[in-house]
Structures are given as structure tokens and as C-alpha cells.
């Protein structure tokens, strides 16, 4: 089976639960700061997963590899390759499809509900109003031709589908161990107070036991699409 390409932007923001659902070999690449970023050709992979990171999705001058990521995402959607973009990955997907980025438009950090408004064969595994982990301050408009799947009051576009691609602004890929890693990583919690960190940790203990099985089911649904191509 051809591997799934996983593009990362920070060492602590790996695929997490996504790996379990894929049940496929992974090819992990980080090309963020490469002037001449080279990514695998689409006929070499069975799917593309793009993870989160702290940088602005449009900061090609500071992180030139983002341009190659966006080009690959646009080509993947055109070629009907299964794509999953999470947080920054969703924003890059949206930009690749002609959307606009809004910097510092809506800060959401912590566990809170998200309204899933439209049935989707992958995202639907989470239910209609799951409590998920949010960790972002930038937002995007819905790309032309895409279907809005989920929203919050602060962030109207929390998830969308564009053909073979699913974009998620929130973070269902975390289990308890990965959440602990985030909460002990200075780059993640630098602007949070101790009370904020304690609140997120306590919310994780409440919500992750129910969320993790649903997320595993969701990523298994994405894995089925990948294996069908692979």
C-alpha cells in the first residue's frame, strides 16, 4: 500500500489518533522552512494529512515551504486524493482552494462544543454537538464550492468538505498523553496562566474518555477512503 503523507509543522503537533485510524504506512515530512521544498508526487501516496502549527498560514515569506504545501493540497483535491487538514492544515487547505485568512479574528483555546450542521461520512462520527479541543486565533472563510460542516459562534467555519478533502479547525486528534505534552510545551502555553492550564487539563479528564472513541471512529472512516485509493 502506498503511504499516507503527513506534513507537520511542530514536533509536538503530530498525527496522534489519526495514525490509529489510518492503519497505513506513514511518510512524515516537515518542509516548513525550506526554500526549495519538495514533497512526494500524488501518485506516490494514498492520502495527505496536514497538521497544525503556530505560524500564520499565509506567512510564505517567513516559512517558504508553506507555498509547496498549498500547491500540493490544491492538486490533491483536483486529483480526488483523500485529504485531511487540521487547524493550520485546514487553513492551508482553505487558502489553496481560494479562501481568505483572517488573522487574530477569534481566539478559542480549551474544550468547548462545536455544532456539526451537515451530515458527513467522516465527521459525522463525532455526533452533532461534541465537545472538542480548540486552539486557534485565526479563521478562514468557506472556500468557494465547499460545504460548511461545523461552526461555533466565534468561528463560523470550524469544518468544511471540498470534494475529497476534509478540513477541521479544532483538534480531535489528541488523547490524554498528547494533551499533557501540549500543556507542558512552552510554545503552546506561553500566553496561558496556570489557572487556564489547570482548567484545560481538568476538561480533558472529563471529555476525552468519550471523545477519543468517537474520534478514532472518525479517523477510521478517513482511513477507509485512504485504503480504497492505496
Protein backbone atom coordinates (compact mmCIF):
# COMPACT_ATOMS: atom_id res chain seq x y z
CA UNK A 1 0.00 0.00 0.00
CA UNK A 2 1.23 3.48 -0.79
CA UNK A 3 1.98 5.54 2.34
CA UNK A 4 -0.04 8.45 3.65
CA UNK A 5 1.89 11.70 3.52
CA UNK A 6 1.73 13.51 6.88
CA UNK A 7 3.01 17.09 6.85
CA UNK A 8 3.94 18.51 10.24
CA UNK A 9 4.96 22.00 11.37
CA UNK A 10 5.94 21.49 15.03
CA UNK A 11 7.39 18.43 16.80
CA UNK A 12 4.57 18.31 19.36
CA UNK A 13 1.78 18.51 16.75
CA UNK A 14 1.92 15.05 15.26
CA UNK A 15 -0.95 12.97 13.87
CA UNK A 16 -1.93 11.45 17.22
CA UNK A 17 -5.16 9.47 16.92
CA UNK A 18 -5.19 9.93 13.16
CA UNK A 19 -2.43 7.31 12.89
CA UNK A 20 -4.63 4.67 14.54
CA UNK A 21 -7.48 5.23 12.13
CA UNK A 22 -5.34 5.19 9.02
CA UNK A 23 -3.97 1.67 9.50
CA UNK A 24 -1.49 2.50 6.76
CA UNK A 25 2.22 3.33 6.48
CA UNK A 26 3.04 6.97 7.12
CA UNK A 27 5.55 9.22 5.39
CA UNK A 28 6.09 12.19 7.71
CA UNK A 29 7.65 15.32 6.26
CA UNK A 30 8.41 18.82 7.57
CA UNK A 31 9.22 21.29 4.79
CA UNK A 32 8.10 24.46 6.54
CA UNK A 33 11.31 26.47 6.21
CA UNK A 34 12.72 25.00 3.01
CA UNK A 35 13.15 27.42 0.11
CA UNK A 36 13.06 24.54 -2.38
CA UNK A 37 10.53 22.31 -0.62
CA UNK A 38 9.95 19.05 -2.41
CA UNK A 39 7.01 16.86 -1.49
CA UNK A 40 6.12 13.40 -2.85
CA UNK A 41 4.15 13.20 -6.05
CA UNK A 42 0.49 12.38 -5.57
CA UNK A 43 0.82 9.05 -7.36
CA UNK A 44 3.28 8.02 -4.63
CA UNK A 45 0.80 8.43 -1.76
CA UNK A 46 -2.65 7.16 -0.81
CA UNK A 47 -3.65 10.29 1.11
CA UNK A 48 -2.44 13.58 2.53
CA UNK A 49 -2.74 14.75 6.15
CA UNK A 50 -1.61 18.26 7.12
CA UNK A 51 -1.26 19.03 10.82
CA UNK A 52 -1.29 22.21 12.91
CA UNK A 53 1.36 24.70 13.92
CA UNK A 54 1.77 28.15 15.49
CA UNK A 55 2.64 30.08 12.33
CA UNK A 56 0.29 32.12 10.13
CA UNK A 57 -0.97 30.11 7.17
CA UNK A 58 -0.13 32.95 4.76
CA UNK A 59 3.41 33.61 6.04
CA UNK A 60 5.19 32.31 2.96
CA UNK A 61 7.97 34.90 3.38
CA UNK A 62 8.80 33.61 6.86
CA UNK A 63 8.10 29.95 6.06
CA UNK A 64 8.60 29.38 2.32
CA UNK A 65 7.68 25.70 2.48
CA UNK A 66 4.04 26.65 3.01
CA UNK A 67 3.78 27.51 -0.68
CA UNK A 68 4.66 23.94 -1.66
CA UNK A 69 2.10 22.62 0.84
CA UNK A 70 -0.66 24.76 -0.59
CA UNK A 71 0.20 23.73 -4.15
CA UNK A 72 0.12 20.06 -3.16
CA UNK A 73 -3.24 20.47 -1.41
CA UNK A 74 -4.81 22.14 -4.42
CA UNK A 75 -3.51 19.39 -6.69
CA UNK A 76 -4.70 16.67 -4.30
CA UNK A 77 -8.26 17.99 -4.33
CA UNK A 78 -8.19 18.22 -8.12
CA UNK A 79 -6.96 14.61 -8.29
CA UNK A 80 -9.56 13.34 -5.78
CA UNK A 81 -6.88 12.25 -3.30
CA UNK A 82 -8.17 11.91 0.30
CA UNK A 83 -7.03 14.95 2.29
CA UNK A 84 -7.35 15.80 5.97
CA UNK A 85 -6.29 19.24 7.24
CA UNK A 86 -6.26 20.05 10.95
CA UNK A 87 -6.08 23.62 12.35
CA UNK A 88 -3.22 25.22 10.40
CA UNK A 89 -3.67 22.35 7.94
CA UNK A 90 -7.29 23.35 7.42
CA UNK A 91 -6.29 26.98 6.89
CA UNK A 92 -3.69 25.98 4.31
CA UNK A 93 -6.30 23.83 2.58
CA UNK A 94 -8.74 26.74 2.54
CA UNK A 95 -6.15 29.11 1.08
CA UNK A 96 -5.22 26.52 -1.53
CA UNK A 97 -8.88 26.46 -2.59
CA UNK A 98 -9.19 30.24 -2.90
CA UNK A 99 -10.35 31.25 0.58
CA UNK A 100 -9.23 34.17 2.74
CA UNK A 101 -7.42 34.09 6.09
CA UNK A 102 -8.39 36.37 8.98
CA UNK A 103 -5.57 36.85 11.48
CA UNK A 104 -6.37 37.05 15.22
CA UNK A 105 -10.08 37.06 14.42
CA UNK A 106 -11.31 34.63 17.09
CA UNK A 107 -9.20 33.14 19.86
CA UNK A 108 -10.58 29.82 21.09
CA UNK A 109 -8.38 27.77 23.43
CA UNK A 110 -9.80 24.93 25.50
CA UNK A 111 -12.60 22.41 25.38
CA UNK A 112 -15.96 23.66 24.09
CA UNK A 113 -18.82 22.39 21.93
CA UNK A 114 -18.87 22.66 18.17
CA UNK A 115 -22.07 22.45 16.14
CA UNK A 116 -21.90 19.92 13.32
CA UNK A 117 -24.58 21.14 10.96
CA UNK A 118 -24.38 18.82 7.94
CA UNK A 119 -24.02 15.06 7.70
CA UNK A 120 -20.61 13.90 6.53
CA UNK A 121 -19.45 10.27 6.21
CA UNK A 122 -16.27 11.02 8.18
CA UNK A 123 -17.00 13.93 10.50
CA UNK A 124 -20.44 12.54 11.38
CA UNK A 125 -18.83 10.00 13.71
CA UNK A 126 -18.37 12.78 16.28
CA UNK A 127 -22.12 13.38 16.65
CA UNK A 128 -24.00 16.65 16.31
CA UNK A 129 -22.55 18.75 19.13
CA UNK A 130 -19.36 17.23 20.50
CA UNK A 131 -17.12 18.99 22.99
CA UNK A 132 -13.71 19.21 21.35
CA UNK A 133 -10.38 20.91 21.91
CA UNK A 134 -9.96 24.31 20.25
CA UNK A 135 -6.56 26.01 19.95
CA UNK A 136 -6.51 28.82 17.40
CA UNK A 137 -6.83 32.55 16.87
CA UNK A 138 -7.02 32.76 13.06
CA UNK A 139 -10.05 31.88 10.95
CA UNK A 140 -10.88 31.33 7.29
CA UNK A 141 -13.82 31.94 5.03
CA UNK A 142 -15.57 28.96 3.47
CA UNK A 143 -13.73 28.17 0.23
CA UNK A 144 -15.71 28.59 -3.00
CA UNK A 145 -17.73 25.47 -3.71
CA UNK A 146 -17.00 23.86 -0.33
CA UNK A 147 -19.69 22.60 2.05
CA UNK A 148 -19.78 24.02 5.58
CA UNK A 149 -19.91 21.18 8.10
CA UNK A 150 -19.40 22.73 11.53
CA UNK A 151 -19.27 26.07 13.30
CA UNK A 152 -19.11 27.91 16.59
CA UNK A 153 -20.36 31.40 17.34
CA UNK A 154 -16.80 32.76 17.35
CA UNK A 155 -15.61 30.77 14.34
CA UNK A 156 -18.23 30.31 11.61
CA UNK A 157 -16.05 27.86 9.65
CA UNK A 158 -14.98 25.08 12.01
CA UNK A 159 -15.07 22.32 9.42
CA UNK A 160 -15.71 22.01 5.70
CA UNK A 161 -15.62 19.47 2.93
CA UNK A 162 -14.31 20.17 -0.57
CA UNK A 163 -14.57 17.03 -2.66
CA UNK A 164 -12.05 14.53 -1.31
CA UNK A 165 -10.80 16.96 1.35
CA UNK A 166 -11.97 17.47 4.93
CA UNK A 167 -10.77 20.49 6.92
CA UNK A 168 -11.05 20.71 10.72
CA UNK A 169 -10.24 23.87 12.67
CA UNK A 170 -10.43 22.02 16.00
CA UNK A 171 -8.29 19.17 17.34
CA UNK A 172 -9.90 15.73 17.66
CA UNK A 173 -6.53 14.01 17.19
CA UNK A 174 -5.44 14.38 20.83
CA UNK A 175 -5.58 11.71 23.50
CA UNK A 176 -4.68 12.30 27.16
CA UNK A 177 -0.95 11.80 26.62
CA UNK A 178 -0.80 14.24 23.73
CA UNK A 179 -2.79 16.81 25.70
CA UNK A 180 -0.29 16.51 28.56
CA UNK A 181 2.51 17.08 26.05
CA UNK A 182 0.84 20.24 24.76
CA UNK A 183 0.25 21.56 28.28
CA UNK A 184 3.93 21.09 29.11
CA UNK A 185 5.22 22.68 25.89
CA UNK A 186 6.18 26.36 26.38
CA UNK A 187 5.34 27.26 22.76
CA UNK A 188 1.78 26.07 23.35
CA UNK A 189 1.06 27.54 26.79
CA UNK A 190 3.28 30.62 26.81
CA UNK A 191 0.33 33.02 26.88
CA UNK A 192 -1.81 30.96 29.27
CA UNK A 193 -1.91 31.32 33.01
CA UNK A 194 -1.63 28.43 35.45
CA UNK A 195 -5.37 28.53 36.04
CA UNK A 196 -6.02 28.27 32.29
CA UNK A 197 -3.74 25.25 32.02
CA UNK A 198 -5.36 23.57 35.02
CA UNK A 199 -8.81 24.20 33.54
CA UNK A 200 -7.87 22.65 30.19
CA UNK A 201 -6.31 19.64 31.91
CA UNK A 202 -9.43 19.11 34.05
CA UNK A 203 -11.68 19.48 31.00
CA UNK A 204 -9.59 16.89 29.21
CA UNK A 205 -10.19 14.40 32.02
CA UNK A 206 -13.93 15.00 31.66
CA UNK A 207 -14.29 14.98 27.89
CA UNK A 208 -11.53 12.84 26.36
CA UNK A 209 -12.87 9.46 27.58
CA UNK A 210 -15.95 9.98 25.41
CA UNK A 211 -14.31 11.96 22.63
CA UNK A 212 -11.39 9.64 21.88
CA UNK A 213 -13.50 6.62 20.76
CA UNK A 214 -15.63 8.89 18.55
CA UNK A 215 -12.50 10.46 17.06
CA UNK A 216 -10.98 7.04 16.42
CA UNK A 217 -14.16 6.06 14.56
CA UNK A 218 -13.98 9.29 12.54
CA UNK A 219 -10.36 8.75 11.56
CA UNK A 220 -11.12 5.13 10.71
CA UNK A 221 -13.67 6.49 8.25
CA UNK A 222 -10.98 8.64 6.67
CA UNK A 223 -8.71 5.58 6.69
CA UNK A 224 -11.25 3.66 4.62
CA UNK A 225 -11.04 6.32 1.93
CA UNK A 226 -7.25 6.18 2.03
CA UNK A 227 -7.15 2.38 1.78
CA UNK A 228 -9.58 2.45 -1.14
CA UNK A 229 -7.07 4.59 -3.03
CA UNK A 230 -3.96 2.85 -1.70
